[in-house]
Structure formats: C-alpha cells, structure tokens
Amino acid sequence: METISTIAVCGAGTMGSGIAQLCAQKGIDTILFDVNETILQNSRRRIWMNLDSLQQKGKIAGAELAAIQKRLHFTHQLSDCVAPVMIEAIIEQKEVKATLLNQVLTINQYQTILASNTSSISINALAAAVSHPQCLAGLHFFNPATIMQLVEVIKGEQTAPEVITTLLALSKQLGKTPVVCNDAPGFIVNRVARPYYLEALRLVEQGLATVEQVDAVMEASGFKMGPFKLMDLIGIDINYSVSCIVWEALGKPPRLTPSALQQQKVEVKQLGKKSGTGFYQYQ
C-alpha cells in the first residue's frame, strides 16, 4: 500500500494541533483547518513553540524544523481540505461533526477517508448521519498526540475493510501502535479508564483523601500520572463528557455515575491546564 502523502486535519484545538504536528513531523503535507482564525493562529503559535523546543533539545535539526514548518498549511477555508484522508478533531457534538464530514466528502467528490478522533461518540451513530458511511471510521489519538503511542482504530458496522487497512498503515507510518476495535461505548481505553477517574473522584467527594494524596499514591504505584493530573491534561470538560456518554450508553449503571465534583468544575469553567485552573493551578 502506498504511503499517505497529504492529510487534512479539521479542528485546530489541542488534539487537532497535536495530530497535525505529528503528521508534518512524519513527512506528510498537512492541511490544518479551523473556522475560527484566532484558534488557528493560537495553534500555529503552539506548534511553532513545540518545534522550537524540540530543536533546542537537539531532537530535530534546524533544516528539519524548516521542512516540518513548510509541510504545515493553516487555513480557515474548508474548501482547502482536499486530501485522501481527513482526520476530524472538532467539538464532541454528533450533529456538528456530521455536517463537517458531509461537507468534506462533497469537497473531495466522495474520494476521501473520514477518520474521526472522537473519544466517545458512536461511530455507528455518526455514520448514520453521513452520506457515505463506508468511508468513515474512528481514529482515536491520545493527548499529547506527538508522544502517546496508542491509536484506537474503530470499525463501524458500515466501514469498508479497505478503510481500516489504510488507517492501520497510516498509524504505523506515524510511528504509532494501532489497535482495531468494534464500535462500542467508550471504545476500549475510555471504557476501561472510567473507574480510574470515577473512584478517585469519589474518594475526594467523600472526604477520604485529597486530590494530591490520590495522585501521589497512584504515581507511586507505577502510573505515570495520577487521575487528577490526567483529567487536567485531557480537559475536565472532555473527561466529564466521556463519562456521561459511556454511562448513558450502558444504561446508567450506578458504578459509572458521573461525578458531581467534576460537573461543578465544568460549570465554573475550571477545565484544567487549558483554562489555567482545574484540580490544580497552572497560572
């Protein structure tokens, strides 16, 4: 199978920016789209800072940095997103995603693979709202996308086999370890990880431990990051949304009831690192 030479990434938030940077670092011409020009400018600034940091650490040479920057194309025009693969990394709302995916299909004359980076929305449900569902699969990266090795490749009921084959090859081209899973609530990682977050939140809610104590114990036990630091990194709003979707999709089992403490954080916009305040302070 031929390697992918061009990719479009739709959504220039934390995940979209990380995926775009990764693709460009791996030699792929990358179109990064966002309808919001301010978000797009912030994305460029963040990626440039990341690349400068890599150069200062001796991980990339000056010529390589310039080549990576040249491969990145920032645009607020969706019509520029012409590529054999489009990775969607926008807001976790099915209707908004479906609208974008259908527009991209039209722009590419139905000759593109649609890969959604959704962490929680059903690929089958999303496919039901897409004009060519055989083109759609999940491609779930983890934050930070440039570092985390795992990628979940999610197969929907209507996903064409060649789409999965291409996404597996692309994941390996990006230096990742892909795992194929069928569409299910939370896929694999987010389904397994719910108790890690929810039990930690319950300990704090019940006054049995502090945020710092829980993180310290888990990190001393071998986890690279405690649950509260990880929620702050992911985004408390995103983590809470995933908990709600998984809980509802599985019939609202009590053991997976979303946390009231986490909900409160979302309501007051204390979302973690991206807002400057979460379970920890970052300002």
C-alpha atoms as a PDB file:
ATOM      1  CA  MET A   1       0.000   0.000   0.000  1.00  0.00           C
ATOM      2  CA  GLU A   2       1.250   3.484  -0.871  1.00  0.00           C
ATOM      3  CA  THR A   3       2.105   5.782   1.994  1.00  0.00           C
ATOM      4  CA  ILE A   4      -0.148   8.781   2.632  1.00  0.00           C
ATOM      5  CA  SER A   5       1.489  11.989   1.396  1.00  0.00           C
ATOM      6  CA  THR A   6      -1.253  14.515   2.249  1.00  0.00           C
ATOM      7  CA  ILE A   7      -3.656  14.724   5.183  1.00  0.00           C
ATOM      8  CA  ALA A   8      -6.294  17.247   6.189  1.00  0.00           C
ATOM      9  CA  VAL A   9      -6.932  17.781   9.895  1.00  0.00           C
ATOM     10  CA  CYS A  10     -10.146  19.591  10.791  1.00  0.00           C
ATOM     11  CA  GLY A  11     -10.093  21.295  14.173  1.00  0.00           C
ATOM     12  CA  ALA A  12      -7.116  23.256  15.498  1.00  0.00           C
ATOM     13  CA  GLY A  13      -7.660  22.708  19.212  1.00  0.00           C
ATOM     14  CA  THR A  14      -5.297  20.747  21.427  1.00  0.00           C
ATOM     15  CA  MET A  15      -5.842  17.373  19.753  1.00  0.00           C
ATOM     16  CA  GLY A  16      -6.063  18.664  16.185  1.00  0.00           C
ATOM     17  CA  SER A  17      -2.894  20.693  16.593  1.00  0.00           C
ATOM     18  CA  GLY A  18      -1.044  17.733  18.066  1.00  0.00           C
ATOM     19  CA  ILE A  19      -2.169  15.407  15.266  1.00  0.00           C
ATOM     20  CA  ALA A  20      -1.219  17.972  12.610  1.00  0.00           C
ATOM     21  CA  GLN A  21       2.223  18.464  14.142  1.00  0.00           C
ATOM     22  CA  LEU A  22       2.731  14.700  14.294  1.00  0.00           C
ATOM     23  CA  CYS A  23       1.783  14.239  10.637  1.00  0.00           C
ATOM     24  CA  ALA A  24       4.112  17.026   9.498  1.00  0.00           C
ATOM     25  CA  GLN A  25       6.964  15.623  11.593  1.00  0.00           C
ATOM     26  CA  LYS A  26       6.475  12.275   9.864  1.00  0.00           C
ATOM     27  CA  GLY A  27       6.886  13.795   6.411  1.00  0.00           C
ATOM     28  CA  ILE A  28       3.230  14.299   5.454  1.00  0.00           C
ATOM     29  CA  ASP A  29       1.944  17.518   3.897  1.00  0.00           C
ATOM     30  CA  THR A  30      -0.685  18.588   6.404  1.00  0.00           C
ATOM     31  CA  ILE A  31      -3.622  20.950   5.963  1.00  0.00           C
ATOM     32  CA  LEU A  32      -4.912  22.192   9.326  1.00  0.00           C
ATOM     33  CA  PHE A  33      -8.373  23.743   9.155  1.00  0.00           C
ATOM     34  CA  ASP A  34     -10.382  25.654  11.707  1.00  0.00           C
ATOM     35  CA  VAL A  35     -13.252  28.031  11.075  1.00  0.00           C
ATOM     36  CA  ASN A  36     -12.031  30.234  13.958  1.00  0.00           C
ATOM     37  CA  GLU A  37      -8.998  32.280  12.867  1.00  0.00           C
ATOM     38  CA  THR A  38      -7.969  33.053  16.448  1.00  0.00           C
ATOM     39  CA  ILE A  39      -7.854  29.349  17.299  1.00  0.00           C
ATOM     40  CA  LEU A  40      -5.895  28.741  14.096  1.00  0.00           C
ATOM     41  CA  GLN A  41      -3.353  31.425  14.986  1.00  0.00           C
ATOM     42  CA  ASN A  42      -3.002  30.038  18.507  1.00  0.00           C
ATOM     43  CA  SER A  43      -2.475  26.590  17.024  1.00  0.00           C
ATOM     44  CA  ARG A  44       0.320  27.833  14.775  1.00  0.00           C
ATOM     45  CA  ARG A  45       1.974  29.582  17.712  1.00  0.00           C
ATOM     46  CA  ARG A  46       1.723  26.447  19.877  1.00  0.00           C
ATOM     47  CA  ILE A  47       3.115  24.139  17.189  1.00  0.00           C
ATOM     48  CA  TRP A  48       5.968  26.522  16.412  1.00  0.00           C
ATOM     49  CA  MET A  49       6.862  26.667  20.129  1.00  0.00           C
ATOM     50  CA  ASN A  50       6.802  22.868  20.331  1.00  0.00           C
ATOM     51  CA  LEU A  51       9.083  22.558  17.312  1.00  0.00           C
ATOM     52  CA  ASP A  52      11.467  25.219  18.663  1.00  0.00           C
ATOM     53  CA  SER A  53      11.628  23.274  21.925  1.00  0.00           C
ATOM     54  CA  LEU A  54      12.495  20.078  20.046  1.00  0.00           C
ATOM     55  CA  GLN A  55      15.268  21.893  18.209  1.00  0.00           C
ATOM     56  CA  GLN A  56      16.665  23.375  21.422  1.00  0.00           C
ATOM     57  CA  LYS A  57      16.748  19.893  22.941  1.00  0.00           C
ATOM     58  CA  GLY A  58      18.633  18.590  19.913  1.00  0.00           C
ATOM     59  CA  LYS A  59      15.824  16.289  18.822  1.00  0.00           C
ATOM     60  CA  ILE A  60      15.469  17.926  15.408  1.00  0.00           C
ATOM     61  CA  ALA A  61      17.955  19.944  13.346  1.00  0.00           C
ATOM     62  CA  GLY A  62      17.324  23.428  12.002  1.00  0.00           C
ATOM     63  CA  ALA A  63      16.843  22.190   8.433  1.00  0.00           C
ATOM     64  CA  GLU A  64      14.366  19.577   9.623  1.00  0.00           C
ATOM     65  CA  LEU A  65      12.424  22.176  11.588  1.00  0.00           C
ATOM     66  CA  ALA A  66      12.115  24.354   8.489  1.00  0.00           C
ATOM     67  CA  ALA A  67      10.945  21.350   6.440  1.00  0.00           C
ATOM     68  CA  ILE A  68       8.290  20.462   9.021  1.00  0.00           C
ATOM     69  CA  GLN A  69       7.019  24.037   9.078  1.00  0.00           C
ATOM     70  CA  LYS A  70       6.847  24.050   5.281  1.00  0.00           C
ATOM     71  CA  ARG A  71       4.672  20.930   5.338  1.00  0.00           C
ATOM     72  CA  LEU A  72       2.086  22.613   7.600  1.00  0.00           C
ATOM     73  CA  HIS A  73      -0.630  24.639   5.888  1.00  0.00           C
ATOM     74  CA  PHE A  74      -3.075  26.579   8.091  1.00  0.00           C
ATOM     75  CA  THR A  75      -6.446  27.567   6.647  1.00  0.00           C
ATOM     76  CA  HIS A  76      -9.908  28.748   7.663  1.00  0.00           C
ATOM     77  CA  GLN A  77     -11.326  27.715   4.276  1.00  0.00           C
ATOM     78  CA  LEU A  78     -12.847  24.232   4.367  1.00  0.00           C
ATOM     79  CA  SER A  79     -12.538  24.059   0.582  1.00  0.00           C
ATOM     80  CA  ASP A  80      -8.764  23.744   1.061  1.00  0.00           C
ATOM     81  CA  CYS A  81      -9.230  20.362   2.766  1.00  0.00           C
ATOM     82  CA  VAL A  82      -8.561  18.182  -0.246  1.00  0.00           C
ATOM     83  CA  ALA A  83      -6.731  15.007   0.774  1.00  0.00           C
ATOM     84  CA  PRO A  84      -7.050  11.210   0.639  1.00  0.00           C
ATOM     85  CA  VAL A  85      -7.513  11.144   4.426  1.00  0.00           C
ATOM     86  CA  MET A  86      -9.270  13.692   6.625  1.00  0.00           C
ATOM     87  CA  ILE A  87      -8.929  13.482  10.398  1.00  0.00           C
ATOM     88  CA  GLU A  88     -11.768  15.213  12.246  1.00  0.00           C
ATOM     89  CA  ALA A  89     -10.934  16.629  15.683  1.00  0.00           C
ATOM     90  CA  ILE A  90     -13.676  19.164  16.381  1.00  0.00           C
ATOM     91  CA  ILE A  91     -16.211  19.615  19.194  1.00  0.00           C
ATOM     92  CA  GLU A  92     -17.796  16.435  20.616  1.00  0.00           C
ATOM     93  CA  GLN A  93     -21.254  17.022  19.141  1.00  0.00           C
ATOM     94  CA  LYS A  94     -22.574  14.462  16.675  1.00  0.00           C
ATOM     95  CA  GLU A  95     -24.605  16.881  14.537  1.00  0.00           C
ATOM     96  CA  VAL A  96     -21.699  19.316  14.140  1.00  0.00           C
ATOM     97  CA  LYS A  97     -19.305  16.504  13.251  1.00  0.00           C
ATOM     98  CA  ALA A  98     -21.731  15.008  10.717  1.00  0.00           C
ATOM     99  CA  THR A  99     -22.206  18.351   8.979  1.00  0.00           C
ATOM    100  CA  LEU A 100     -18.455  18.796   8.637  1.00  0.00           C
ATOM    101  CA  LEU A 101     -17.892  15.226   7.431  1.00  0.00           C
ATOM    102  CA  ASN A 102     -20.554  15.546   4.742  1.00  0.00           C
ATOM    103  CA  GLN A 103     -19.053  18.834   3.555  1.00  0.00           C
ATOM    104  CA  VAL A 104     -15.591  17.285   3.325  1.00  0.00           C
ATOM    105  CA  LEU A 105     -16.991  14.345   1.352  1.00  0.00           C
ATOM    106  CA  THR A 106     -18.533  16.738  -1.155  1.00  0.00           C
ATOM    107  CA  ILE A 107     -15.332  18.772  -1.491  1.00  0.00           C
ATOM    108  CA  ASN A 108     -13.362  15.588  -2.166  1.00  0.00           C
ATOM    109  CA  GLN A 109     -16.005  14.166  -4.522  1.00  0.00           C
ATOM    110  CA  TYR A 110     -16.512  11.230  -2.156  1.00  0.00           C
ATOM    111  CA  GLN A 111     -12.934  10.043  -2.646  1.00  0.00           C
ATOM    112  CA  THR A 112     -11.584  10.529   0.870  1.00  0.00           C
ATOM    113  CA  ILE A 113     -11.377   8.526   4.085  1.00  0.00           C
ATOM    114  CA  LEU A 114     -13.105  10.176   7.029  1.00  0.00           C
ATOM    115  CA  ALA A 115     -11.341   9.440  10.316  1.00  0.00           C
ATOM    116  CA  SER A 116     -12.990  10.826  13.445  1.00  0.00           C
ATOM    117  CA  ASN A 117     -10.844  11.415  16.509  1.00  0.00           C
ATOM    118  CA  THR A 118     -13.935  11.278  18.724  1.00  0.00           C
ATOM    119  CA  SER A 119     -13.267   9.851  22.157  1.00  0.00           C
ATOM    120  CA  SER A 120     -16.845   8.910  22.949  1.00  0.00           C
ATOM    121  CA  ILE A 121     -19.396   9.390  20.145  1.00  0.00           C
ATOM    122  CA  SER A 122     -20.566   6.176  18.499  1.00  0.00           C
ATOM    123  CA  ILE A 123     -19.068   5.675  15.042  1.00  0.00           C
ATOM    124  CA  ASN A 124     -22.247   3.855  14.003  1.00  0.00           C
ATOM    125  CA  ALA A 125     -24.405   6.774  15.145  1.00  0.00           C
ATOM    126  CA  LEU A 126     -22.150   9.220  13.324  1.00  0.00           C
ATOM    127  CA  ALA A 127     -22.167   7.032  10.199  1.00  0.00           C
ATOM    128  CA  ALA A 128     -25.978   7.123  10.161  1.00  0.00           C
ATOM    129  CA  ALA A 129     -25.759  10.871   9.549  1.00  0.00           C
ATOM    130  CA  VAL A 130     -23.056  10.682   6.854  1.00  0.00           C
ATOM    131  CA  SER A 131     -23.910  10.302   3.175  1.00  0.00           C
ATOM    132  CA  HIS A 132     -21.203   7.673   2.512  1.00  0.00           C
ATOM    133  CA  PRO A 133     -20.834   5.741   5.815  1.00  0.00           C
ATOM    134  CA  GLN A 134     -18.458   3.198   4.289  1.00  0.00           C
ATOM    135  CA  CYS A 135     -15.814   5.973   4.209  1.00  0.00           C
ATOM    136  CA  LEU A 136     -15.985   6.589   7.974  1.00  0.00           C
ATOM    137  CA  ALA A 137     -14.028   5.064  10.852  1.00  0.00           C
ATOM    138  CA  GLY A 138     -12.710   6.201  14.199  1.00  0.00           C
ATOM    139  CA  LEU A 139      -9.046   7.125  14.636  1.00  0.00           C
ATOM    140  CA  HIS A 140      -8.658   7.941  18.306  1.00  0.00           C
ATOM    141  CA  PHE A 141      -5.344   9.530  19.281  1.00  0.00           C
ATOM    142  CA  PHE A 142      -4.390  10.289  22.869  1.00  0.00           C
ATOM    143  CA  ASN A 143      -3.034  13.534  24.277  1.00  0.00           C
ATOM    144  CA  PRO A 144      -0.304  14.535  23.567  1.00  0.00           C
ATOM    145  CA  ALA A 145      -0.647  13.024  20.111  1.00  0.00           C
ATOM    146  CA  THR A 146       3.029  13.545  19.303  1.00  0.00           C
ATOM    147  CA  ILE A 147       4.082  11.343  22.230  1.00  0.00           C
ATOM    148  CA  MET A 148       1.378   8.816  23.129  1.00  0.00           C
ATOM    149  CA  GLN A 149       1.933   5.595  21.192  1.00  0.00           C
ATOM    150  CA  LEU A 150      -1.528   4.043  21.153  1.00  0.00           C
ATOM    151  CA  VAL A 151      -4.145   4.772  18.492  1.00  0.00           C
ATOM    152  CA  GLU A 152      -7.583   3.154  18.524  1.00  0.00           C
ATOM    153  CA  VAL A 153      -8.905   2.348  15.043  1.00  0.00           C
ATOM    154  CA  ILE A 154     -12.667   1.992  15.447  1.00  0.00           C
ATOM    155  CA  LYS A 155     -14.618  -0.036  12.910  1.00  0.00           C
ATOM    156  CA  GLY A 156     -18.251   0.815  12.390  1.00  0.00           C
ATOM    157  CA  GLU A 157     -20.816  -1.627  11.051  1.00  0.00           C
ATOM    158  CA  GLN A 158     -20.637   0.000   7.605  1.00  0.00           C
ATOM    159  CA  THR A 159     -16.923   0.820   7.500  1.00  0.00           C
ATOM    160  CA  ALA A 160     -15.278  -0.566   4.363  1.00  0.00           C
ATOM    161  CA  PRO A 161     -12.441  -3.054   5.054  1.00  0.00           C
ATOM    162  CA  GLU A 162     -10.011  -1.032   2.918  1.00  0.00           C
ATOM    163  CA  VAL A 163     -10.607   1.987   5.145  1.00  0.00           C
ATOM    164  CA  ILE A 164      -9.414   0.045   8.194  1.00  0.00           C
ATOM    165  CA  THR A 165      -6.428  -1.294   6.235  1.00  0.00           C
ATOM    166  CA  THR A 166      -5.435   2.226   5.198  1.00  0.00           C
ATOM    167  CA  LEU A 167      -5.810   3.644   8.714  1.00  0.00           C
ATOM    168  CA  LEU A 168      -3.731   0.826  10.183  1.00  0.00           C
ATOM    169  CA  ALA A 169      -0.981   1.550   7.667  1.00  0.00           C
ATOM    170  CA  LEU A 170      -1.241   5.293   8.343  1.00  0.00           C
ATOM    171  CA  SER A 171      -0.963   4.746  12.103  1.00  0.00           C
ATOM    172  CA  LYS A 172       2.229   2.784  11.583  1.00  0.00           C
ATOM    173  CA  GLN A 173       3.506   5.439   9.170  1.00  0.00           C
ATOM    174  CA  LEU A 174       3.026   7.912  12.037  1.00  0.00           C
ATOM    175  CA  GLY A 175       5.023   5.656  14.361  1.00  0.00           C
ATOM    176  CA  LYS A 176       2.007   4.611  16.400  1.00  0.00           C
ATOM    177  CA  THR A 177       0.738   1.290  17.713  1.00  0.00           C
ATOM    178  CA  PRO A 178      -2.778   0.810  16.318  1.00  0.00           C
ATOM    179  CA  VAL A 179      -5.423  -1.405  17.893  1.00  0.00           C
ATOM    180  CA  VAL A 180      -8.615  -2.200  15.974  1.00  0.00           C
ATOM    181  CA  CYS A 181     -11.847  -2.354  17.932  1.00  0.00           C
ATOM    182  CA  ASN A 182     -15.512  -2.533  17.016  1.00  0.00           C
ATOM    183  CA  ASP A 183     -17.685   0.433  17.848  1.00  0.00           C
ATOM    184  CA  ALA A 184     -18.820   0.293  21.498  1.00  0.00           C
ATOM    185  CA  PRO A 185     -19.415   2.859  24.268  1.00  0.00           C
ATOM    186  CA  GLY A 186     -16.043   4.353  25.212  1.00  0.00           C
ATOM    187  CA  PHE A 187     -14.271   2.044  22.739  1.00  0.00           C
ATOM    188  CA  ILE A 188     -11.538   0.241  24.736  1.00  0.00           C
ATOM    189  CA  VAL A 189      -9.409   2.777  26.602  1.00  0.00           C
ATOM    190  CA  ASN A 190     -12.134   5.148  27.791  1.00  0.00           C
ATOM    191  CA  ARG A 191     -14.317   2.218  28.843  1.00  0.00           C
ATOM    192  CA  VAL A 192     -11.541   0.666  30.920  1.00  0.00           C
ATOM    193  CA  ALA A 193     -10.399   4.027  32.311  1.00  0.00           C
ATOM    194  CA  ARG A 194     -13.750   5.152  33.751  1.00  0.00           C
ATOM    195  CA  PRO A 195     -13.197   3.527  37.177  1.00  0.00           C
ATOM    196  CA  TYR A 196      -9.712   5.079  37.374  1.00  0.00           C
ATOM    197  CA  TYR A 197     -11.253   8.543  37.284  1.00  0.00           C
ATOM    198  CA  LEU A 198     -14.595   7.900  38.992  1.00  0.00           C
ATOM    199  CA  GLU A 199     -13.263   6.059  42.048  1.00  0.00           C
ATOM    200  CA  ALA A 200     -10.631   8.756  42.541  1.00  0.00           C
ATOM    201  CA  LEU A 201     -13.324  11.428  42.361  1.00  0.00           C
ATOM    202  CA  ARG A 202     -15.486   9.546  44.875  1.00  0.00           C
ATOM    203  CA  LEU A 203     -12.610   9.324  47.355  1.00  0.00           C
ATOM    204  CA  VAL A 204     -12.259  13.112  47.257  1.00  0.00           C
ATOM    205  CA  GLU A 205     -16.019  13.763  47.300  1.00  0.00           C
ATOM    206  CA  GLN A 206     -16.391  11.586  50.393  1.00  0.00           C
ATOM    207  CA  GLY A 207     -13.500  13.323  52.160  1.00  0.00           C
ATOM    208  CA  LEU A 208     -11.438  10.135  52.358  1.00  0.00           C
ATOM    209  CA  ALA A 209      -8.423  11.599  50.550  1.00  0.00           C
ATOM    210  CA  THR A 210      -7.235  14.788  48.888  1.00  0.00           C
ATOM    211  CA  VAL A 211      -6.546  15.274  45.200  1.00  0.00           C
ATOM    212  CA  GLU A 212      -2.828  15.412  45.929  1.00  0.00           C
ATOM    213  CA  GLN A 213      -2.898  12.242  48.023  1.00  0.00           C
ATOM    214  CA  VAL A 214      -4.709  10.224  45.373  1.00  0.00           C
ATOM    215  CA  ASP A 215      -2.317  11.340  42.642  1.00  0.00           C
ATOM    216  CA  ALA A 216       0.740  10.691  44.807  1.00  0.00           C
ATOM    217  CA  VAL A 217      -0.376   7.149  45.686  1.00  0.00           C
ATOM    218  CA  MET A 218      -1.220   6.244  42.097  1.00  0.00           C
ATOM    219  CA  GLU A 219       2.047   7.613  40.758  1.00  0.00           C
ATOM    220  CA  ALA A 220       3.989   5.782  43.480  1.00  0.00           C
ATOM    221  CA  SER A 221       2.153   2.623  42.379  1.00  0.00           C
ATOM    222  CA  GLY A 222       3.577   2.921  38.876  1.00  0.00           C
ATOM    223  CA  PHE A 223       1.134   5.120  36.997  1.00  0.00           C
ATOM    224  CA  LYS A 224       2.906   7.864  35.054  1.00  0.00           C
ATOM    225  CA  MET A 225       0.233  10.375  36.014  1.00  0.00           C
ATOM    226  CA  GLY A 226      -2.378  10.408  38.751  1.00  0.00           C
ATOM    227  CA  PRO A 227      -6.064  10.635  37.756  1.00  0.00           C
ATOM    228  CA  PHE A 228      -6.492  14.299  38.692  1.00  0.00           C
ATOM    229  CA  LYS A 229      -3.379  15.460  36.842  1.00  0.00           C
ATOM    230  CA  LEU A 230      -4.536  13.389  33.882  1.00  0.00           C
ATOM    231  CA  MET A 231      -8.031  14.894  33.926  1.00  0.00           C
ATOM    232  CA  ASP A 232      -6.475  18.371  33.989  1.00  0.00           C
ATOM    233  CA  LEU A 233      -4.314  17.463  30.994  1.00  0.00           C
ATOM    234  CA  ILE A 234      -7.155  15.925  28.979  1.00  0.00           C
ATOM    235  CA  GLY A 235      -9.605  18.684  29.880  1.00  0.00           C
ATOM    236  CA  ILE A 236     -12.123  18.181  32.683  1.00  0.00           C
ATOM    237  CA  ASP A 237     -14.989  19.045  30.333  1.00  0.00           C
ATOM    238  CA  ILE A 238     -13.921  16.397  27.822  1.00  0.00           C
ATOM    239  CA  ASN A 239     -13.388  13.784  30.515  1.00  0.00           C
ATOM    240  CA  TYR A 240     -16.771  14.534  32.081  1.00  0.00           C
ATOM    241  CA  SER A 241     -18.480  14.379  28.682  1.00  0.00           C
ATOM    242  CA  VAL A 242     -16.993  10.946  28.018  1.00  0.00           C
ATOM    243  CA  SER A 243     -18.174   9.726  31.427  1.00  0.00           C
ATOM    244  CA  CYS A 244     -21.708  10.933  30.694  1.00  0.00           C
ATOM    245  CA  ILE A 245     -21.827   9.340  27.239  1.00  0.00           C
ATOM    246  CA  VAL A 246     -20.489   5.972  28.435  1.00  0.00           C
ATOM    247  CA  TRP A 247     -22.845   5.957  31.443  1.00  0.00           C
ATOM    248  CA  GLU A 248     -25.902   6.715  29.315  1.00  0.00           C
ATOM    249  CA  ALA A 249     -24.919   4.288  26.527  1.00  0.00           C
ATOM    250  CA  LEU A 250     -24.562   1.432  29.029  1.00  0.00           C
ATOM    251  CA  GLY A 251     -27.967   2.049  30.631  1.00  0.00           C
ATOM    252  CA  LYS A 252     -26.837   4.327  33.501  1.00  0.00           C
ATOM    253  CA  PRO A 253     -25.235   1.747  35.811  1.00  0.00           C
ATOM    254  CA  PRO A 254     -24.674   3.222  39.321  1.00  0.00           C
ATOM    255  CA  ARG A 255     -20.989   2.260  39.311  1.00  0.00           C
ATOM    256  CA  LEU A 256     -20.380   4.603  36.345  1.00  0.00           C
ATOM    257  CA  THR A 257     -22.461   7.559  37.547  1.00  0.00           C
ATOM    258  CA  PRO A 258     -20.653  10.783  36.508  1.00  0.00           C
ATOM    259  CA  SER A 259     -19.089  12.806  39.291  1.00  0.00           C
ATOM    260  CA  ALA A 260     -20.864  15.826  40.775  1.00  0.00           C
ATOM    261  CA  LEU A 261     -17.454  17.301  41.660  1.00  0.00           C
ATOM    262  CA  GLN A 262     -16.368  17.076  38.045  1.00  0.00           C
ATOM    263  CA  GLN A 263     -19.658  18.575  36.884  1.00  0.00           C
ATOM    264  CA  GLN A 264     -19.123  21.540  39.219  1.00  0.00           C
ATOM    265  CA  LYS A 265     -15.673  22.133  37.737  1.00  0.00           C
ATOM    266  CA  VAL A 266     -17.174  22.190  34.247  1.00  0.00           C
ATOM    267  CA  GLU A 267     -19.927  24.611  35.260  1.00  0.00           C
ATOM    268  CA  VAL A 268     -17.443  27.170  36.634  1.00  0.00           C
ATOM    269  CA  LYS A 269     -15.074  26.691  33.641  1.00  0.00           C
ATOM    270  CA  GLN A 270     -12.254  25.219  35.709  1.00  0.00           C
ATOM    271  CA  LEU A 271     -11.283  22.846  32.917  1.00  0.00           C
ATOM    272  CA  GLY A 272      -7.658  22.056  33.721  1.00  0.00           C
ATOM    273  CA  LYS A 273      -4.476  23.192  32.021  1.00  0.00           C
ATOM    274  CA  LYS A 274      -6.251  24.817  29.081  1.00  0.00           C
ATOM    275  CA  SER A 275      -8.175  27.192  31.371  1.00  0.00           C
ATOM    276  CA  GLY A 276      -5.363  27.724  33.884  1.00  0.00           C
ATOM    277  CA  THR A 277      -7.291  26.113  36.735  1.00  0.00           C
ATOM    278  CA  GLY A 278      -8.658  22.629  37.321  1.00  0.00           C
ATOM    279  CA  PHE A 279      -7.872  20.330  40.196  1.00  0.00           C
ATOM    280  CA  TYR A 280      -4.529  22.170  40.220  1.00  0.00           C
ATOM    281  CA  GLN A 281      -3.482  25.728  39.482  1.00  0.00           C
ATOM    282  CA  TYR A 282      -1.486  26.471  36.305  1.00  0.00           C
ATOM    283  CA  GLN A 283      -1.320  30.265  36.344  1.00  0.00           C
END
